[in-house]
Amino acid sequence: MNMIVYGAVMNINRGNPFHKEVVLDSWPDFKAVITRRQKEVETDNLDHYTNAYAVFYKDVKAYQQLLEEHDVINWDQVFQIQGLQSDLYDVSKAVANTKQLHVKLTSFRAVHFASVPTLPDISSLLGSPPRLTYLSVTDADLLNRTWSRGGNELCLRYIANLISSFPSVCVRDDRGSPVSWSITDQFATMCHGYTLPEHRRKGYSRLVALTLARKLQSRGFPSQGNVLDDNTASISLLKSVHAEFLPCRFHRLIFTPTLYSSSLIAKRNAGIHFVFPEHSSAP
């Protein structure tokens, strides 16, 4: 089972804050597994951030059969599928074409951090400043504005839910504002590692990444992530902390039914307003 599905299953067993469930082709000798949102949970049909599936299969035909089965995937909404297998896009797109959905693929280098005993020491980075702490949902707007996948109200809600549900790490300035951070997503993947431009070259990104990796491992989670091939700064950072670049790649597929035009999504997105709780519950 790959790390993405493993992370999702671990979150299911740790309170299941994103209301996930597991679908298998057979049991106990399964050949394909999909994690998805529980069907009875209310969902927003345009929210591909939350409407997310993680997949793993030993037999691509078994995975295709799951896709084609009635009610395994909600093909009437915008959603994403994440996985590590090289033929994930081809088989998923073939089924999506029969259901008139557009598929957008983004592929990343998959990364795994070493175990805690072999992680680089961070004691020299723990001065004053920086003030190392965790994020609050009141910081969600800043993260939304700085994330390459963000800048919209659906992502704002998603980030607030991640902060409320899963471990995060940030460095705050003397006014209490975050200047460097990383969060954990619904698949226990480290994501949105970012440092404000005026605070770079101070070691904050290294401190945040290693601290979050240690925090996840201390709770029994994998410390995993992904990075775009052209993100040279992050790749250099990961190499400097001896992260392992896996031979497989991380793939994110976003599916959009043809009935949802981009203009409709943009209009719907602009009209959403949310109220968030005042404090994070995930130190």
C-alpha atoms as a PDB file:
ATOM      1  CA  MET A   1       0.000   0.000   0.000  1.00  0.00           C
ATOM      2  CA  ASN A   2       1.460   3.403  -0.939  1.00  0.00           C
ATOM      3  CA  MET A   3       2.089   6.217   1.536  1.00  0.00           C
ATOM      4  CA  ILE A   4      -0.849   8.346   0.362  1.00  0.00           C
ATOM      5  CA  VAL A   5      -3.433   5.631   0.997  1.00  0.00           C
ATOM      6  CA  TYR A   6      -1.600   4.660   4.188  1.00  0.00           C
ATOM      7  CA  GLY A   7      -1.806   8.255   5.441  1.00  0.00           C
ATOM      8  CA  ALA A   8      -5.513   8.420   4.652  1.00  0.00           C
ATOM      9  CA  VAL A   9      -6.181   5.163   6.511  1.00  0.00           C
ATOM     10  CA  MET A  10      -4.198   6.382   9.508  1.00  0.00           C
ATOM     11  CA  ASN A  11      -6.309   9.554   9.632  1.00  0.00           C
ATOM     12  CA  ILE A  12      -9.452   7.410   9.464  1.00  0.00           C
ATOM     13  CA  ASN A  13      -8.195   5.534  12.512  1.00  0.00           C
ATOM     14  CA  ARG A  14      -7.286   8.791  14.327  1.00  0.00           C
ATOM     15  CA  GLY A  15     -10.728  10.372  14.485  1.00  0.00           C
ATOM     16  CA  ASN A  16     -11.440  10.603  10.752  1.00  0.00           C
ATOM     17  CA  PRO A  17     -11.794  14.422  10.620  1.00  0.00           C
ATOM     18  CA  PHE A  18     -12.277  14.419   6.832  1.00  0.00           C
ATOM     19  CA  HIS A  19     -14.942  11.675   6.949  1.00  0.00           C
ATOM     20  CA  LYS A  20     -13.135   9.164   4.770  1.00  0.00           C
ATOM     21  CA  GLU A  21     -13.871   5.511   4.063  1.00  0.00           C
ATOM     22  CA  VAL A  22     -12.100   2.704   2.207  1.00  0.00           C
ATOM     23  CA  VAL A  23     -13.395   0.822  -0.840  1.00  0.00           C
ATOM     24  CA  LEU A  24     -11.734  -2.453  -1.911  1.00  0.00           C
ATOM     25  CA  ASP A  25     -12.268  -4.681  -4.925  1.00  0.00           C
ATOM     26  CA  SER A  26     -12.194  -7.758  -2.653  1.00  0.00           C
ATOM     27  CA  TRP A  27     -11.214  -8.853   0.846  1.00  0.00           C
ATOM     28  CA  PRO A  28      -8.858 -10.012   2.260  1.00  0.00           C
ATOM     29  CA  ASP A  29      -6.865 -10.498  -0.949  1.00  0.00           C
ATOM     30  CA  PHE A  30      -7.535  -7.092  -2.480  1.00  0.00           C
ATOM     31  CA  LYS A  31      -5.955  -5.867  -5.711  1.00  0.00           C
ATOM     32  CA  ALA A  32      -7.170  -2.260  -5.622  1.00  0.00           C
ATOM     33  CA  VAL A  33      -8.076   0.209  -2.887  1.00  0.00           C
ATOM     34  CA  ILE A  34      -9.657   3.661  -3.033  1.00  0.00           C
ATOM     35  CA  THR A  35     -10.171   6.048  -0.123  1.00  0.00           C
ATOM     36  CA  ARG A  36     -13.008   8.540  -0.536  1.00  0.00           C
ATOM     37  CA  ARG A  37     -15.370  10.835   1.344  1.00  0.00           C
ATOM     38  CA  GLN A  38     -18.173   9.012   3.114  1.00  0.00           C
ATOM     39  CA  LYS A  39     -21.232   9.095   0.892  1.00  0.00           C
ATOM     40  CA  GLU A  40     -23.558  10.318   3.638  1.00  0.00           C
ATOM     41  CA  VAL A  41     -21.432  13.425   4.289  1.00  0.00           C
ATOM     42  CA  GLU A  42     -22.588  16.622   2.619  1.00  0.00           C
ATOM     43  CA  THR A  43     -20.157  17.802  -0.043  1.00  0.00           C
ATOM     44  CA  ASP A  44     -19.735  20.808  -2.303  1.00  0.00           C
ATOM     45  CA  ASN A  45     -19.758  19.573  -5.896  1.00  0.00           C
ATOM     46  CA  LEU A  46     -17.219  22.222  -6.950  1.00  0.00           C
ATOM     47  CA  ASP A  47     -14.726  21.580  -4.138  1.00  0.00           C
ATOM     48  CA  HIS A  48     -12.011  19.405  -5.650  1.00  0.00           C
ATOM     49  CA  TYR A  49      -9.778  20.113  -2.640  1.00  0.00           C
ATOM     50  CA  THR A  50     -12.044  18.182  -0.278  1.00  0.00           C
ATOM     51  CA  ASN A  51     -13.560  15.809  -2.842  1.00  0.00           C
ATOM     52  CA  ALA A  52     -10.330  13.823  -3.001  1.00  0.00           C
ATOM     53  CA  TYR A  53      -9.567  10.155  -3.553  1.00  0.00           C
ATOM     54  CA  ALA A  54      -6.321   8.272  -2.899  1.00  0.00           C
ATOM     55  CA  VAL A  55      -5.712   5.067  -4.850  1.00  0.00           C
ATOM     56  CA  PHE A  56      -3.405   2.085  -4.860  1.00  0.00           C
ATOM     57  CA  TYR A  57      -3.622  -1.052  -6.935  1.00  0.00           C
ATOM     58  CA  LYS A  58      -1.675  -4.238  -7.569  1.00  0.00           C
ATOM     59  CA  ASP A  59      -3.651  -4.909 -10.741  1.00  0.00           C
ATOM     60  CA  VAL A  60      -4.610  -2.016 -13.007  1.00  0.00           C
ATOM     61  CA  LYS A  61      -7.641  -3.922 -14.299  1.00  0.00           C
ATOM     62  CA  ALA A  62      -8.976  -4.232 -10.757  1.00  0.00           C
ATOM     63  CA  TYR A  63      -8.595  -0.467 -10.341  1.00  0.00           C
ATOM     64  CA  GLN A  64     -10.384   0.183 -13.628  1.00  0.00           C
ATOM     65  CA  GLN A  65     -13.244  -2.075 -12.576  1.00  0.00           C
ATOM     66  CA  LEU A  66     -13.613  -0.116  -9.340  1.00  0.00           C
ATOM     67  CA  LEU A  67     -13.781   3.119 -11.325  1.00  0.00           C
ATOM     68  CA  GLU A  68     -16.457   1.652 -13.550  1.00  0.00           C
ATOM     69  CA  GLU A  69     -18.539   0.253 -10.701  1.00  0.00           C
ATOM     70  CA  HIS A  70     -21.699   2.131  -9.820  1.00  0.00           C
ATOM     71  CA  ASP A  71     -21.352   4.594  -6.936  1.00  0.00           C
ATOM     72  CA  VAL A  72     -17.647   4.078  -6.159  1.00  0.00           C
ATOM     73  CA  ILE A  73     -16.736   7.492  -7.646  1.00  0.00           C
ATOM     74  CA  ASN A  74     -19.036  10.516  -7.710  1.00  0.00           C
ATOM     75  CA  TRP A  75     -18.602  11.524 -11.347  1.00  0.00           C
ATOM     76  CA  ASP A  76     -21.111  14.364 -11.009  1.00  0.00           C
ATOM     77  CA  GLN A  77     -18.742  16.646  -9.092  1.00  0.00           C
ATOM     78  CA  VAL A  78     -15.327  18.230  -9.508  1.00  0.00           C
ATOM     79  CA  PHE A  79     -12.839  16.002  -7.690  1.00  0.00           C
ATOM     80  CA  GLN A  80      -9.236  14.830  -7.575  1.00  0.00           C
ATOM     81  CA  ILE A  81      -7.459  11.482  -7.483  1.00  0.00           C
ATOM     82  CA  GLN A  82      -3.972  11.090  -6.007  1.00  0.00           C
ATOM     83  CA  GLY A  83      -1.633   8.169  -6.526  1.00  0.00           C
ATOM     84  CA  LEU A  84       1.911   7.054  -7.219  1.00  0.00           C
ATOM     85  CA  GLN A  85       1.543   4.575 -10.069  1.00  0.00           C
ATOM     86  CA  SER A  86       2.791   5.410 -13.558  1.00  0.00           C
ATOM     87  CA  ASP A  87      -0.329   4.278 -15.449  1.00  0.00           C
ATOM     88  CA  LEU A  88      -2.768   6.036 -13.097  1.00  0.00           C
ATOM     89  CA  TYR A  89      -3.464   8.859 -15.549  1.00  0.00           C
ATOM     90  CA  ASP A  90      -4.065   6.702 -18.615  1.00  0.00           C
ATOM     91  CA  VAL A  91      -6.571   4.326 -17.035  1.00  0.00           C
ATOM     92  CA  SER A  92      -8.352   7.068 -15.077  1.00  0.00           C
ATOM     93  CA  LYS A  93      -8.656   9.306 -18.129  1.00  0.00           C
ATOM     94  CA  ALA A  94      -9.982   6.446 -20.251  1.00  0.00           C
ATOM     95  CA  VAL A  95     -12.880   5.928 -17.831  1.00  0.00           C
ATOM     96  CA  ALA A  96     -13.414   9.686 -17.383  1.00  0.00           C
ATOM     97  CA  ASN A  97     -13.711  10.138 -21.163  1.00  0.00           C
ATOM     98  CA  THR A  98     -16.675   7.767 -21.235  1.00  0.00           C
ATOM     99  CA  LYS A  99     -18.366   9.957 -18.624  1.00  0.00           C
ATOM    100  CA  GLN A 100     -17.508  13.275 -20.311  1.00  0.00           C
ATOM    101  CA  LEU A 101     -15.107  14.675 -17.734  1.00  0.00           C
ATOM    102  CA  HIS A 102     -12.035  16.771 -18.419  1.00  0.00           C
ATOM    103  CA  VAL A 103      -8.869  15.539 -16.657  1.00  0.00           C
ATOM    104  CA  LYS A 104      -5.923  17.744 -15.662  1.00  0.00           C
ATOM    105  CA  LEU A 105      -2.708  15.999 -14.588  1.00  0.00           C
ATOM    106  CA  THR A 106       0.035  17.486 -12.429  1.00  0.00           C
ATOM    107  CA  SER A 107       3.032  15.301 -11.677  1.00  0.00           C
ATOM    108  CA  PHE A 108       5.586  15.813  -8.887  1.00  0.00           C
ATOM    109  CA  ARG A 109       8.717  14.257  -7.461  1.00  0.00           C
ATOM    110  CA  ALA A 110       7.712  12.125  -4.471  1.00  0.00           C
ATOM    111  CA  VAL A 111       9.742  12.671  -1.303  1.00  0.00           C
ATOM    112  CA  HIS A 112      10.132  10.853   2.003  1.00  0.00           C
ATOM    113  CA  PHE A 113      11.975  12.143   5.066  1.00  0.00           C
ATOM    114  CA  ALA A 114      14.416   9.958   6.954  1.00  0.00           C
ATOM    115  CA  SER A 115      13.514   8.529  10.351  1.00  0.00           C
ATOM    116  CA  VAL A 116      13.892  10.856  13.335  1.00  0.00           C
ATOM    117  CA  PRO A 117      17.232   9.459  14.602  1.00  0.00           C
ATOM    118  CA  THR A 118      18.862  10.263  11.252  1.00  0.00           C
ATOM    119  CA  LEU A 119      17.238  13.641  10.607  1.00  0.00           C
ATOM    120  CA  PRO A 120      19.626  16.620  10.760  1.00  0.00           C
ATOM    121  CA  ASP A 121      19.905  18.365  14.117  1.00  0.00           C
ATOM    122  CA  ILE A 122      17.830  21.551  14.450  1.00  0.00           C
ATOM    123  CA  SER A 123      19.023  22.775  17.838  1.00  0.00           C
ATOM    124  CA  SER A 124      21.225  25.451  16.252  1.00  0.00           C
ATOM    125  CA  LEU A 125      18.143  26.905  14.505  1.00  0.00           C
ATOM    126  CA  LEU A 126      16.112  27.261  17.694  1.00  0.00           C
ATOM    127  CA  GLY A 127      17.150  30.747  18.722  1.00  0.00           C
ATOM    128  CA  SER A 128      15.123  33.784  19.732  1.00  0.00           C
ATOM    129  CA  PRO A 129      13.922  34.638  17.170  1.00  0.00           C
ATOM    130  CA  PRO A 130      12.500  32.471  15.700  1.00  0.00           C
ATOM    131  CA  ARG A 131       9.332  31.734  17.634  1.00  0.00           C
ATOM    132  CA  LEU A 132       8.369  28.221  16.596  1.00  0.00           C
ATOM    133  CA  THR A 133       4.714  27.302  17.027  1.00  0.00           C
ATOM    134  CA  TYR A 134       1.728  26.008  15.060  1.00  0.00           C
ATOM    135  CA  LEU A 135      -0.879  27.631  12.837  1.00  0.00           C
ATOM    136  CA  SER A 136      -4.351  28.880  13.733  1.00  0.00           C
ATOM    137  CA  VAL A 137      -7.350  29.018  11.414  1.00  0.00           C
ATOM    138  CA  THR A 138      -7.019  32.810  11.636  1.00  0.00           C
ATOM    139  CA  ASP A 139      -3.874  32.340   9.508  1.00  0.00           C
ATOM    140  CA  ALA A 140      -5.792  30.559   6.747  1.00  0.00           C
ATOM    141  CA  ASP A 141      -6.232  33.689   4.634  1.00  0.00           C
ATOM    142  CA  LEU A 142      -2.467  34.272   4.459  1.00  0.00           C
ATOM    143  CA  LEU A 143      -1.845  30.676   3.449  1.00  0.00           C
ATOM    144  CA  ASN A 144      -4.586  30.865   0.832  1.00  0.00           C
ATOM    145  CA  ARG A 145      -3.049  33.979  -0.711  1.00  0.00           C
ATOM    146  CA  THR A 146       0.448  32.484  -0.889  1.00  0.00           C
ATOM    147  CA  TRP A 147      -0.333  28.938  -2.092  1.00  0.00           C
ATOM    148  CA  SER A 148       0.052  28.209  -5.790  1.00  0.00           C
ATOM    149  CA  ARG A 149      -3.106  26.083  -5.563  1.00  0.00           C
ATOM    150  CA  GLY A 150      -5.016  28.733  -3.630  1.00  0.00           C
ATOM    151  CA  GLY A 151      -6.337  32.233  -4.064  1.00  0.00           C
ATOM    152  CA  ASN A 152     -10.006  31.265  -3.874  1.00  0.00           C
ATOM    153  CA  GLU A 153     -12.717  30.727  -1.273  1.00  0.00           C
ATOM    154  CA  LEU A 154     -12.878  26.956  -1.700  1.00  0.00           C
ATOM    155  CA  CYS A 155      -9.178  26.687  -0.917  1.00  0.00           C
ATOM    156  CA  LEU A 156      -9.569  29.066   2.022  1.00  0.00           C
ATOM    157  CA  ARG A 157     -12.135  26.734   3.573  1.00  0.00           C
ATOM    158  CA  TYR A 158      -9.983  23.706   2.822  1.00  0.00           C
ATOM    159  CA  ILE A 159      -6.860  25.206   4.418  1.00  0.00           C
ATOM    160  CA  ALA A 160      -8.824  26.196   7.533  1.00  0.00           C
ATOM    161  CA  ASN A 161     -10.058  22.618   7.833  1.00  0.00           C
ATOM    162  CA  LEU A 162      -6.527  21.252   7.448  1.00  0.00           C
ATOM    163  CA  ILE A 163      -5.190  23.587  10.131  1.00  0.00           C
ATOM    164  CA  SER A 164      -8.020  22.581  12.472  1.00  0.00           C
ATOM    165  CA  SER A 165      -7.531  18.868  11.883  1.00  0.00           C
ATOM    166  CA  PHE A 166      -3.865  18.058  11.328  1.00  0.00           C
ATOM    167  CA  PRO A 167      -0.353  18.975  12.541  1.00  0.00           C
ATOM    168  CA  SER A 168       1.248  22.188  11.319  1.00  0.00           C
ATOM    169  CA  VAL A 169       4.391  24.164  12.117  1.00  0.00           C
ATOM    170  CA  CYS A 170       5.163  27.834  11.660  1.00  0.00           C
ATOM    171  CA  VAL A 171       7.641  30.534  12.606  1.00  0.00           C
ATOM    172  CA  ARG A 172       6.084  33.788  13.811  1.00  0.00           C
ATOM    173  CA  ASP A 173       7.631  37.253  13.896  1.00  0.00           C
ATOM    174  CA  ASP A 174       7.639  39.537  16.931  1.00  0.00           C
ATOM    175  CA  ARG A 175       4.117  40.685  16.049  1.00  0.00           C
ATOM    176  CA  GLY A 176       2.825  37.112  16.055  1.00  0.00           C
ATOM    177  CA  SER A 177       2.351  36.845  12.293  1.00  0.00           C
ATOM    178  CA  PRO A 178       3.460  33.674  10.457  1.00  0.00           C
ATOM    179  CA  VAL A 179       6.531  34.171   8.256  1.00  0.00           C
ATOM    180  CA  SER A 180       7.320  30.519   7.428  1.00  0.00           C
ATOM    181  CA  TRP A 181       5.159  27.393   7.651  1.00  0.00           C
ATOM    182  CA  SER A 182       4.115  23.962   6.461  1.00  0.00           C
ATOM    183  CA  ILE A 183       0.834  22.077   6.911  1.00  0.00           C
ATOM    184  CA  THR A 184      -0.380  18.488   6.633  1.00  0.00           C
ATOM    185  CA  ASP A 185      -3.161  17.421   4.294  1.00  0.00           C
ATOM    186  CA  GLN A 186      -5.898  14.793   4.518  1.00  0.00           C
ATOM    187  CA  PHE A 187      -3.479  12.094   3.295  1.00  0.00           C
ATOM    188  CA  ALA A 188      -0.855  12.910   5.950  1.00  0.00           C
ATOM    189  CA  THR A 189       1.283  14.599   3.293  1.00  0.00           C
ATOM    190  CA  MET A 190       3.372  17.644   4.157  1.00  0.00           C
ATOM    191  CA  CYS A 191       2.319  20.490   1.873  1.00  0.00           C
ATOM    192  CA  HIS A 192       2.361  24.251   1.302  1.00  0.00           C
ATOM    193  CA  GLY A 193       5.836  24.765   2.695  1.00  0.00           C
ATOM    194  CA  TYR A 194       6.371  28.502   2.267  1.00  0.00           C
ATOM    195  CA  THR A 195       8.465  31.373   3.623  1.00  0.00           C
ATOM    196  CA  LEU A 196       7.592  35.008   2.979  1.00  0.00           C
ATOM    197  CA  PRO A 197      10.174  36.518   0.579  1.00  0.00           C
ATOM    198  CA  GLU A 198      11.489  39.061   3.088  1.00  0.00           C
ATOM    199  CA  HIS A 199      12.258  36.282   5.594  1.00  0.00           C
ATOM    200  CA  ARG A 200      14.117  33.867   3.335  1.00  0.00           C
ATOM    201  CA  ARG A 201      17.743  32.733   3.711  1.00  0.00           C
ATOM    202  CA  LYS A 202      17.381  32.574   7.503  1.00  0.00           C
ATOM    203  CA  GLY A 203      16.988  28.802   7.833  1.00  0.00           C
ATOM    204  CA  TYR A 204      13.260  28.996   8.571  1.00  0.00           C
ATOM    205  CA  SER A 205      12.170  26.612   5.801  1.00  0.00           C
ATOM    206  CA  ARG A 206      14.641  24.013   7.009  1.00  0.00           C
ATOM    207  CA  LEU A 207      13.492  24.433  10.607  1.00  0.00           C
ATOM    208  CA  VAL A 208       9.806  24.153   9.708  1.00  0.00           C
ATOM    209  CA  ALA A 209      10.231  21.124   7.425  1.00  0.00           C
ATOM    210  CA  LEU A 210      12.321  19.145   9.904  1.00  0.00           C
ATOM    211  CA  THR A 211      10.094  20.045  12.854  1.00  0.00           C
ATOM    212  CA  LEU A 212       6.941  18.936  11.037  1.00  0.00           C
ATOM    213  CA  ALA A 213       8.613  15.714   9.862  1.00  0.00           C
ATOM    214  CA  ARG A 214       9.589  14.961  13.468  1.00  0.00           C
ATOM    215  CA  LYS A 215       6.093  15.783  14.716  1.00  0.00           C
ATOM    216  CA  LEU A 216       4.450  13.457  12.185  1.00  0.00           C
ATOM    217  CA  GLN A 217       6.856  10.610  12.893  1.00  0.00           C
ATOM    218  CA  SER A 218       6.350  10.994  16.645  1.00  0.00           C
ATOM    219  CA  ARG A 219       2.655  10.310  16.047  1.00  0.00           C
ATOM    220  CA  GLY A 220       3.316   7.269  13.865  1.00  0.00           C
ATOM    221  CA  PHE A 221       2.628   8.973  10.534  1.00  0.00           C
ATOM    222  CA  PRO A 222       4.848   8.855   7.462  1.00  0.00           C
ATOM    223  CA  SER A 223       6.743  12.081   6.768  1.00  0.00           C
ATOM    224  CA  GLN A 224       6.093  12.427   3.061  1.00  0.00           C
ATOM    225  CA  GLY A 225       5.779  15.216   0.533  1.00  0.00           C
ATOM    226  CA  ASN A 226       6.090  16.123  -3.122  1.00  0.00           C
ATOM    227  CA  VAL A 227       7.725  18.869  -5.134  1.00  0.00           C
ATOM    228  CA  LEU A 228       7.475  20.170  -8.694  1.00  0.00           C
ATOM    229  CA  ASP A 229      10.481  19.509 -10.904  1.00  0.00           C
ATOM    230  CA  ASP A 230      11.136  23.216 -11.477  1.00  0.00           C
ATOM    231  CA  ASN A 231      10.990  24.165  -7.780  1.00  0.00           C
ATOM    232  CA  THR A 232      14.759  24.279  -7.458  1.00  0.00           C
ATOM    233  CA  ALA A 233      14.781  26.048  -4.087  1.00  0.00           C
ATOM    234  CA  SER A 234      12.642  23.370  -2.421  1.00  0.00           C
ATOM    235  CA  ILE A 235      14.589  20.563  -4.094  1.00  0.00           C
ATOM    236  CA  SER A 236      17.854  22.026  -2.776  1.00  0.00           C
ATOM    237  CA  LEU A 237      16.347  22.296   0.701  1.00  0.00           C
ATOM    238  CA  LEU A 238      15.140  18.691   0.629  1.00  0.00           C
ATOM    239  CA  LYS A 239      18.529  17.450  -0.511  1.00  0.00           C
ATOM    240  CA  SER A 240      20.202  19.414   2.285  1.00  0.00           C
ATOM    241  CA  VAL A 241      18.120  17.596   4.917  1.00  0.00           C
ATOM    242  CA  HIS A 242      18.791  14.219   3.270  1.00  0.00           C
ATOM    243  CA  ALA A 243      15.202  13.618   2.177  1.00  0.00           C
ATOM    244  CA  GLU A 244      14.780  10.611  -0.092  1.00  0.00           C
ATOM    245  CA  PHE A 245      13.493  11.235  -3.617  1.00  0.00           C
ATOM    246  CA  LEU A 246      11.457   8.154  -4.488  1.00  0.00           C
ATOM    247  CA  PRO A 247      11.746   6.408  -7.875  1.00  0.00           C
ATOM    248  CA  CYS A 248       7.980   6.742  -8.358  1.00  0.00           C
ATOM    249  CA  ARG A 249       6.204  10.033  -8.978  1.00  0.00           C
ATOM    250  CA  PHE A 250       3.251  11.626  -7.212  1.00  0.00           C
ATOM    251  CA  HIS A 251       0.312  12.299  -9.538  1.00  0.00           C
ATOM    252  CA  ARG A 252      -2.676  14.569  -8.920  1.00  0.00           C
ATOM    253  CA  LEU A 253      -5.565  14.288 -11.372  1.00  0.00           C
ATOM    254  CA  ILE A 254      -8.359  16.868 -11.257  1.00  0.00           C
ATOM    255  CA  PHE A 255     -11.626  15.815 -12.909  1.00  0.00           C
ATOM    256  CA  THR A 256     -14.188  18.348 -14.069  1.00  0.00           C
ATOM    257  CA  PRO A 257     -17.572  17.373 -15.572  1.00  0.00           C
ATOM    258  CA  THR A 258     -18.278  19.250 -18.786  1.00  0.00           C
ATOM    259  CA  LEU A 259     -21.431  20.718 -17.266  1.00  0.00           C
ATOM    260  CA  TYR A 260     -19.215  22.762 -14.892  1.00  0.00           C
ATOM    261  CA  SER A 261     -17.601  25.427 -17.051  1.00  0.00           C
ATOM    262  CA  SER A 262     -14.649  27.384 -15.680  1.00  0.00           C
ATOM    263  CA  SER A 263     -16.731  30.573 -15.654  1.00  0.00           C
ATOM    264  CA  LEU A 264     -19.412  28.917 -13.531  1.00  0.00           C
ATOM    265  CA  ILE A 265     -16.817  27.683 -11.055  1.00  0.00           C
ATOM    266  CA  ALA A 266     -15.223  31.133 -10.846  1.00  0.00           C
ATOM    267  CA  LYS A 267     -18.601  32.788 -10.269  1.00  0.00           C
ATOM    268  CA  ARG A 268     -19.579  30.205  -7.639  1.00  0.00           C
ATOM    269  CA  ASN A 269     -16.214  30.556  -5.941  1.00  0.00           C
ATOM    270  CA  ALA A 270     -16.417  34.325  -5.685  1.00  0.00           C
ATOM    271  CA  GLY A 271     -19.735  34.180  -3.874  1.00  0.00           C
ATOM    272  CA  ILE A 272     -18.779  31.852  -1.033  1.00  0.00           C
ATOM    273  CA  HIS A 273     -18.431  33.173   2.505  1.00  0.00           C
ATOM    274  CA  PHE A 274     -17.344  31.106   5.495  1.00  0.00           C
ATOM    275  CA  VAL A 275     -17.097  31.520   9.244  1.00  0.00           C
ATOM    276  CA  PHE A 276     -14.195  29.699  10.901  1.00  0.00           C
ATOM    277  CA  PRO A 277     -13.608  28.805  14.560  1.00  0.00           C
ATOM    278  CA  GLU A 278     -11.237  31.103  16.412  1.00  0.00           C
ATOM    279  CA  HIS A 279      -8.633  28.552  17.492  1.00  0.00           C
ATOM    280  CA  SER A 280      -6.863  25.570  15.998  1.00  0.00           C
ATOM    281  CA  SER A 281      -7.330  22.189  17.654  1.00  0.00           C
ATOM    282  CA  ALA A 282      -4.181  20.659  16.127  1.00  0.00           C
ATOM    283  CA  PRO A 283      -1.009  21.827  17.902  1.00  0.00           C
END
